[in-house]
PDB file of all heavy atoms in Angstrom:
ATOM      1  N   GLN A   1     112.917  87.823  95.637  1.00  0.00           N
ATOM      2  CA  GLN A   1     114.128  87.016  96.051  1.00  0.00           C
ATOM      3  C   GLN A   1     114.695  86.122  94.991  1.00  0.00           C
ATOM      4  O   GLN A   1     115.873  86.055  94.805  1.00  0.00           O
ATOM      5  CB  GLN A   1     113.895  86.235  97.412  1.00  0.00           C
ATOM      6  CG  GLN A   1     115.058  85.495  97.896  1.00  0.00           C
ATOM      7  CD  GLN A   1     114.816  84.763  99.291  1.00  0.00           C
ATOM      8  OE1 GLN A   1     113.963  85.141  99.987  1.00  0.00           O
ATOM      9  NE2 GLN A   1     115.630  83.857  99.619  1.00  0.00           N
ATOM     10  N   LEU A   2     113.871  85.296  94.405  1.00  0.00           N
ATOM     11  CA  LEU A   2     114.324  84.365  93.450  1.00  0.00           C
ATOM     12  C   LEU A   2     114.273  84.953  91.938  1.00  0.00           C
ATOM     13  O   LEU A   2     114.790  84.246  91.031  1.00  0.00           O
ATOM     14  CB  LEU A   2     113.487  83.061  93.350  1.00  0.00           C
ATOM     15  CG  LEU A   2     113.506  82.409  94.767  1.00  0.00           C
ATOM     16  CD1 LEU A   2     112.513  81.178  94.672  1.00  0.00           C
ATOM     17  CD2 LEU A   2     114.842  81.847  95.076  1.00  0.00           C
ATOM     18  N   GLU A   3     113.877  86.136  91.850  1.00  0.00           N
ATOM     19  CA  GLU A   3     113.804  86.809  90.474  1.00  0.00           C
ATOM     20  C   GLU A   3     113.152  85.950  89.454  1.00  0.00           C
ATOM     21  O   GLU A   3     113.401  85.627  88.368  1.00  0.00           O
ATOM     22  CB  GLU A   3     115.179  87.186  89.999  1.00  0.00           C
ATOM     23  CG  GLU A   3     115.804  88.169  90.867  1.00  0.00           C
ATOM     24  CD  GLU A   3     117.244  88.464  90.402  1.00  0.00           C
ATOM     25  OE1 GLU A   3     117.857  87.774  89.535  1.00  0.00           O
ATOM     26  OE2 GLU A   3     117.892  89.475  90.981  1.00  0.00           O
ATOM     27  N   ILE A   4     111.924  85.465  89.962  1.00  0.00           N
ATOM     28  CA  ILE A   4     110.977  84.689  89.104  1.00  0.00           C
ATOM     29  C   ILE A   4     109.640  85.413  89.055  1.00  0.00           C
ATOM     30  O   ILE A   4     109.183  86.038  90.065  1.00  0.00           O
ATOM     31  CB  ILE A   4     110.783  83.418  89.731  1.00  0.00           C
ATOM     32  CG1 ILE A   4     112.112  82.544  89.789  1.00  0.00           C
ATOM     33  CG2 ILE A   4     109.805  82.545  88.936  1.00  0.00           C
ATOM     34  CD1 ILE A   4     112.136  81.203  90.496  1.00  0.00           C
ATOM     35  N   THR A   5     108.914  85.435  87.935  1.00  0.00           N
ATOM     36  CA  THR A   5     107.660  86.098  87.823  1.00  0.00           C
ATOM     37  C   THR A   5     106.595  85.712  88.911  1.00  0.00           C
ATOM     38  O   THR A   5     106.644  84.507  89.204  1.00  0.00           O
ATOM     39  CB  THR A   5     107.099  85.997  86.448  1.00  0.00           C
ATOM     40  OG1 THR A   5     106.726  84.668  86.196  1.00  0.00           O
ATOM     41  CG2 THR A   5     108.077  86.385  85.340  1.00  0.00           C
ATOM     42  N   MET A   6     105.706  86.558  89.234  1.00  0.00           N
ATOM     43  CA  MET A   6     104.696  86.309  90.158  1.00  0.00           C
ATOM     44  C   MET A   6     103.856  85.178  89.658  1.00  0.00           C
ATOM     45  O   MET A   6     103.588  84.126  90.550  1.00  0.00           O
ATOM     46  CB  MET A   6     103.820  87.531  90.394  1.00  0.00           C
ATOM     47  CG  MET A   6     104.496  88.672  91.216  1.00  0.00           C
ATOM     48  SD  MET A   6     104.460  88.284  92.954  1.00  0.00           S
ATOM     49  CE  MET A   6     102.805  88.752  93.244  1.00  0.00           C
ATOM     50  N   PRO A   7     103.369  85.014  88.390  1.00  0.00           N
ATOM     51  CA  PRO A   7     102.596  83.898  88.044  1.00  0.00           C
ATOM     52  C   PRO A   7     103.340  82.563  88.252  1.00  0.00           C
ATOM     53  O   PRO A   7     102.792  81.547  88.581  1.00  0.00           O
ATOM     54  CB  PRO A   7     102.311  84.210  86.579  1.00  0.00           C
ATOM     55  CG  PRO A   7     102.359  85.609  86.464  1.00  0.00           C
ATOM     56  CD  PRO A   7     103.481  86.081  87.308  1.00  0.00           C
ATOM     57  N   SER A   8     104.619  82.484  87.883  1.00  0.00           N
ATOM     58  CA  SER A   8     105.453  81.221  88.009  1.00  0.00           C
ATOM     59  C   SER A   8     105.445  80.900  89.496  1.00  0.00           C
ATOM     60  O   SER A   8     105.403  79.703  89.790  1.00  0.00           O
ATOM     61  CB  SER A   8     106.864  81.420  87.506  1.00  0.00           C
ATOM     62  OG  SER A   8     106.797  81.722  86.054  1.00  0.00           O
ATOM     63  N   ILE A   9     105.800  81.897  90.382  1.00  0.00           N
ATOM     64  CA  ILE A   9     105.771  81.635  91.933  1.00  0.00           C
ATOM     65  C   ILE A   9     104.494  81.024  92.344  1.00  0.00           C
ATOM     66  O   ILE A   9     104.362  80.178  93.077  1.00  0.00           O
ATOM     67  CB  ILE A   9     106.315  82.751  92.679  1.00  0.00           C
ATOM     68  CG1 ILE A   9     107.760  83.081  92.328  1.00  0.00           C
ATOM     69  CG2 ILE A   9     106.125  82.561  94.156  1.00  0.00           C
ATOM     70  CD1 ILE A   9     108.800  82.084  92.816  1.00  0.00           C
ATOM     71  N   THR A  10     103.441  81.746  91.901  1.00  0.00           N
ATOM     72  CA  THR A  10     101.994  81.311  92.312  1.00  0.00           C
ATOM     73  C   THR A  10     101.743  79.906  91.851  1.00  0.00           C
ATOM     74  O   THR A  10     101.224  79.161  92.686  1.00  0.00           O
ATOM     75  CB  THR A  10     101.116  82.280  91.629  1.00  0.00           C
ATOM     76  OG1 THR A  10     101.315  83.608  92.174  1.00  0.00           O
ATOM     77  CG2 THR A  10      99.639  81.877  91.989  1.00  0.00           C
ATOM     78  N   LYS A  11     102.151  79.565  90.675  1.00  0.00           N
ATOM     79  CA  LYS A  11     101.934  78.167  90.252  1.00  0.00           C
ATOM     80  C   LYS A  11     102.800  77.134  91.146  1.00  0.00           C
ATOM     81  O   LYS A  11     102.289  76.112  91.560  1.00  0.00           O
ATOM     82  CB  LYS A  11     102.443  78.081  88.761  1.00  0.00           C
ATOM     83  CG  LYS A  11     102.141  76.612  88.254  1.00  0.00           C
ATOM     84  CD  LYS A  11     102.470  76.497  86.771  1.00  0.00           C
ATOM     85  CE  LYS A  11     102.236  75.065  86.224  1.00  0.00           C
ATOM     86  NZ  LYS A  11     103.242  74.400  85.567  1.00  0.00           N
ATOM     87  N   LEU A  12     104.008  77.432  91.469  1.00  0.00           N
ATOM     88  CA  LEU A  12     104.915  76.624  92.169  1.00  0.00           C
ATOM     89  C   LEU A  12     104.329  76.554  93.638  1.00  0.00           C
ATOM     90  O   LEU A  12     104.345  75.451  94.254  1.00  0.00           O
ATOM     91  CB  LEU A  12     106.263  77.140  92.171  1.00  0.00           C
ATOM     92  CG  LEU A  12     107.121  76.999  90.911  1.00  0.00           C
ATOM     93  CD1 LEU A  12     108.298  77.849  90.925  1.00  0.00           C
ATOM     94  CD2 LEU A  12     107.409  75.575  90.583  1.00  0.00           C
ATOM     95  N   VAL A  13     103.746  77.686  94.157  1.00  0.00           N
ATOM     96  CA  VAL A  13     103.206  77.600  95.501  1.00  0.00           C
ATOM     97  C   VAL A  13     102.065  76.738  95.636  1.00  0.00           C
ATOM     98  O   VAL A  13     101.842  75.912  96.430  1.00  0.00           O
ATOM     99  CB  VAL A  13     102.884  79.024  95.984  1.00  0.00           C
ATOM    100  CG1 VAL A  13     101.904  79.045  97.086  1.00  0.00           C
ATOM    101  CG2 VAL A  13     104.109  79.839  96.355  1.00  0.00           C
ATOM    102  N   GLN A  14     101.176  76.763  94.488  1.00  0.00           N
ATOM    103  CA  GLN A  14      99.977  75.875  94.386  1.00  0.00           C
ATOM    104  C   GLN A  14     100.367  74.353  94.419  1.00  0.00           C
ATOM    105  O   GLN A  14      99.757  73.674  94.999  1.00  0.00           O
ATOM    106  CB  GLN A  14      99.170  76.212  93.267  1.00  0.00           C
ATOM    107  CG  GLN A  14      98.366  77.582  93.334  1.00  0.00           C
ATOM    108  CD  GLN A  14      97.740  78.061  91.979  1.00  0.00           C
ATOM    109  OE1 GLN A  14      98.129  77.490  90.972  1.00  0.00           O
ATOM    110  NE2 GLN A  14      96.925  79.037  92.121  1.00  0.00           N
ATOM    111  N   GLU A  15     101.479  74.200  93.560  1.00  0.00           N
ATOM    112  CA  GLU A  15     101.967  72.767  93.486  1.00  0.00           C
ATOM    113  C   GLU A  15     102.405  72.311  94.832  1.00  0.00           C
ATOM    114  O   GLU A  15     102.100  71.210  95.350  1.00  0.00           O
ATOM    115  CB  GLU A  15     103.033  72.635  92.522  1.00  0.00           C
ATOM    116  CG  GLU A  15     102.548  72.858  91.052  1.00  0.00           C
ATOM    117  CD  GLU A  15     103.575  73.019  90.029  1.00  0.00           C
ATOM    118  OE1 GLU A  15     104.864  72.895  90.420  1.00  0.00           O
ATOM    119  OE2 GLU A  15     103.275  73.131  88.837  1.00  0.00           O
ATOM    120  N   LEU A  16     103.278  73.138  95.503  1.00  0.00           N
ATOM    121  CA  LEU A  16     103.749  72.719  96.884  1.00  0.00           C
ATOM    122  C   LEU A  16     102.678  72.668  97.893  1.00  0.00           C
ATOM    123  O   LEU A  16     102.704  71.851  98.847  1.00  0.00           O
ATOM    124  CB  LEU A  16     104.767  73.841  97.299  1.00  0.00           C
ATOM    125  CG  LEU A  16     106.096  73.767  96.554  1.00  0.00           C
ATOM    126  CD1 LEU A  16     106.961  75.085  96.742  1.00  0.00           C
ATOM    127  CD2 LEU A  16     106.972  72.576  96.936  1.00  0.00           C
ATOM    128  N   GLU A  17     101.708  73.476  97.743  1.00  0.00           N
ATOM    129  CA  GLU A  17     100.532  73.434  98.802  1.00  0.00           C
ATOM    130  C   GLU A  17      99.872  72.031  98.458  1.00  0.00           C
ATOM    131  O   GLU A  17      99.494  71.432  99.462  1.00  0.00           O
ATOM    132  CB  GLU A  17      99.571  74.537  98.562  1.00  0.00           C
ATOM    133  CG  GLU A  17      98.521  74.607  99.526  1.00  0.00           C
ATOM    134  CD  GLU A  17      97.640  75.805  99.367  1.00  0.00           C
ATOM    135  OE1 GLU A  17      97.435  76.457  98.309  1.00  0.00           O
ATOM    136  OE2 GLU A  17      96.985  76.288 100.411  1.00  0.00           O
ATOM    137  N   GLY A  18      99.697  71.647  97.287  1.00  0.00           N
ATOM    138  CA  GLY A  18      99.074  70.419  96.984  1.00  0.00           C
ATOM    139  C   GLY A  18      99.852  69.213  97.418  1.00  0.00           C
ATOM    140  O   GLY A  18      99.221  68.097  97.680  1.00  0.00           O
ATOM    141  N   MET A  19     101.196  69.382  97.561  1.00  0.00           N
ATOM    142  CA  MET A  19     102.056  68.266  98.082  1.00  0.00           C
ATOM    143  C   MET A  19     102.081  68.326  99.611  1.00  0.00           C
ATOM    144  O   MET A  19     102.714  67.427 100.141  1.00  0.00           O
ATOM    145  CB  MET A  19     103.474  68.487  97.550  1.00  0.00           C
ATOM    146  CG  MET A  19     103.618  68.297  96.058  1.00  0.00           C
ATOM    147  SD  MET A  19     105.352  68.668  95.502  1.00  0.00           S
ATOM    148  CE  MET A  19     105.133  69.046  93.985  1.00  0.00           C
ATOM    149  N   GLY A  20     101.424  69.184 100.133  1.00  0.00           N
ATOM    150  CA  GLY A  20     101.534  69.339 101.616  1.00  0.00           C
ATOM    151  C   GLY A  20     102.832  69.942 102.177  1.00  0.00           C
ATOM    152  O   GLY A  20     103.040  69.768 103.377  1.00  0.00           O
ATOM    153  N   MET A  21     103.500  70.577 101.367  1.00  0.00           N
ATOM    154  CA  MET A  21     104.945  71.155 101.843  1.00  0.00           C
ATOM    155  C   MET A  21     104.708  72.553 102.452  1.00  0.00           C
ATOM    156  O   MET A  21     105.613  73.087 103.124  1.00  0.00           O
ATOM    157  CB  MET A  21     105.849  71.353 100.610  1.00  0.00           C
ATOM    158  CG  MET A  21     106.092  70.119  99.998  1.00  0.00           C
ATOM    159  SD  MET A  21     107.123  69.130 101.250  1.00  0.00           S
ATOM    160  CE  MET A  21     107.215  67.556 100.397  1.00  0.00           C
ATOM    161  N   LEU A  22     103.557  73.250 102.018  1.00  0.00           N
ATOM    162  CA  LEU A  22     103.314  74.587 102.739  1.00  0.00           C
ATOM    163  C   LEU A  22     101.833  74.859 102.841  1.00  0.00           C
ATOM    164  O   LEU A  22     101.028  74.168 102.294  1.00  0.00           O
ATOM    165  CB  LEU A  22     103.941  75.686 101.850  1.00  0.00           C
ATOM    166  CG  LEU A  22     103.524  75.951 100.449  1.00  0.00           C
ATOM    167  CD1 LEU A  22     102.258  76.799 100.470  1.00  0.00           C
ATOM    168  CD2 LEU A  22     104.575  76.462  99.615  1.00  0.00           C
ATOM    169  N   LYS A  23     101.499  75.794 103.666  1.00  0.00           N
ATOM    170  CA  LYS A  23     100.120  76.267 103.820  1.00  0.00           C
ATOM    171  C   LYS A  23      99.993  77.729 103.586  1.00  0.00           C
ATOM    172  O   LYS A  23     101.100  78.470 103.754  1.00  0.00           O
ATOM    173  CB  LYS A  23      99.605  75.799 105.170  1.00  0.00           C
ATOM    174  CG  LYS A  23     100.285  76.528 106.358  1.00  0.00           C
ATOM    175  CD  LYS A  23      99.712  76.067 107.663  1.00  0.00           C
ATOM    176  CE  LYS A  23     100.317  76.804 108.766  1.00  0.00           C
ATOM    177  NZ  LYS A  23      99.729  76.623 109.999  1.00  0.00           N
ATOM    178  N   LYS A  24      98.984  78.172 103.050  1.00  0.00           N
ATOM    179  CA  LYS A  24      98.651  79.482 102.758  1.00  0.00           C
ATOM    180  C   LYS A  24      97.567  80.068 103.517  1.00  0.00           C
ATOM    181  O   LYS A  24      96.578  79.450 103.755  1.00  0.00           O
ATOM    182  CB  LYS A  24      98.270  79.597 101.223  1.00  0.00           C
ATOM    183  CG  LYS A  24      99.011  80.527 100.341  1.00  0.00           C
ATOM    184  CD  LYS A  24      98.680  80.467  98.887  1.00  0.00           C
ATOM    185  CE  LYS A  24      97.346  79.766  98.536  1.00  0.00           C
ATOM    186  NZ  LYS A  24      97.151  79.971  96.965  1.00  0.00           N
ATOM    187  N   GLU A  25      97.775  81.299 104.072  1.00  0.00           N
ATOM    188  CA  GLU A  25      96.736  81.926 104.934  1.00  0.00           C
ATOM    189  C   GLU A  25      96.618  83.409 104.267  1.00  0.00           C
ATOM    190  O   GLU A  25      97.535  84.070 104.016  1.00  0.00           O
ATOM    191  CB  GLU A  25      97.237  82.052 106.280  1.00  0.00           C
ATOM    192  CG  GLU A  25      97.214  80.734 106.923  1.00  0.00           C
ATOM    193  CD  GLU A  25      97.572  80.728 108.553  1.00  0.00           C
ATOM    194  OE1 GLU A  25      97.620  81.961 109.074  1.00  0.00           O
ATOM    195  OE2 GLU A  25      97.747  79.853 109.140  1.00  0.00           O
ATOM    196  N   THR A  26      95.340  83.708 104.054  1.00  0.00           N
ATOM    197  CA  THR A  26      95.094  85.091 103.477  1.00  0.00           C
ATOM    198  C   THR A  26      95.063  86.100 104.637  1.00  0.00           C
ATOM    199  O   THR A  26      94.724  85.816 105.768  1.00  0.00           O
ATOM    200  CB  THR A  26      93.649  85.052 102.902  1.00  0.00           C
ATOM    201  OG1 THR A  26      93.529  84.098 101.876  1.00  0.00           O
ATOM    202  CG2 THR A  26      93.240  86.359 102.259  1.00  0.00           C
ATOM    203  N   ASP A  27      95.838  87.188 104.346  1.00  0.00           N
ATOM    204  CA  ASP A  27      95.885  88.273 105.200  1.00  0.00           C
ATOM    205  C   ASP A  27      94.430  88.906 105.449  1.00  0.00           C
ATOM    206  O   ASP A  27      93.725  89.319 104.588  1.00  0.00           O
ATOM    207  CB  ASP A  27      96.718  89.377 104.659  1.00  0.00           C
ATOM    208  CG  ASP A  27      97.070  90.576 105.538  1.00  0.00           C
ATOM    209  OD1 ASP A  27      96.448  90.683 106.620  1.00  0.00           O
ATOM    210  OD2 ASP A  27      97.872  91.455 105.202  1.00  0.00           O
ATOM    211  N   PRO A  28      94.017  88.852 106.723  1.00  0.00           N
ATOM    212  CA  PRO A  28      92.713  89.428 107.075  1.00  0.00           C
ATOM    213  C   PRO A  28      92.468  90.939 106.709  1.00  0.00           C
ATOM    214  O   PRO A  28      91.381  91.366 106.419  1.00  0.00           O
ATOM    215  CB  PRO A  28      92.477  89.111 108.545  1.00  0.00           C
ATOM    216  CG  PRO A  28      93.827  88.859 109.129  1.00  0.00           C
ATOM    217  CD  PRO A  28      94.694  88.430 107.918  1.00  0.00           C
ATOM    218  N   LYS A  29      93.732  91.693 106.708  1.00  0.00           N
ATOM    219  CA  LYS A  29      93.564  93.130 106.470  1.00  0.00           C
ATOM    220  C   LYS A  29      93.618  93.371 104.948  1.00  0.00           C
ATOM    221  O   LYS A  29      93.108  94.385 104.436  1.00  0.00           O
ATOM    222  CB  LYS A  29      94.820  93.822 107.073  1.00  0.00           C
ATOM    223  CG  LYS A  29      94.795  93.787 108.567  1.00  0.00           C
ATOM    224  CD  LYS A  29      96.047  94.310 109.102  1.00  0.00           C
ATOM    225  CE  LYS A  29      96.205  94.045 110.588  1.00  0.00           C
ATOM    226  NZ  LYS A  29      97.394  94.521 111.166  1.00  0.00           N
TER     227      LYS A  29
END
């Protein structure tokens, strides 16, 4: 959607998770 590389999004997601802005759940499948 944002046309940003997966590694860049992964890093931003980790930062946001650390800030308490989002939570991540692993797909059990």
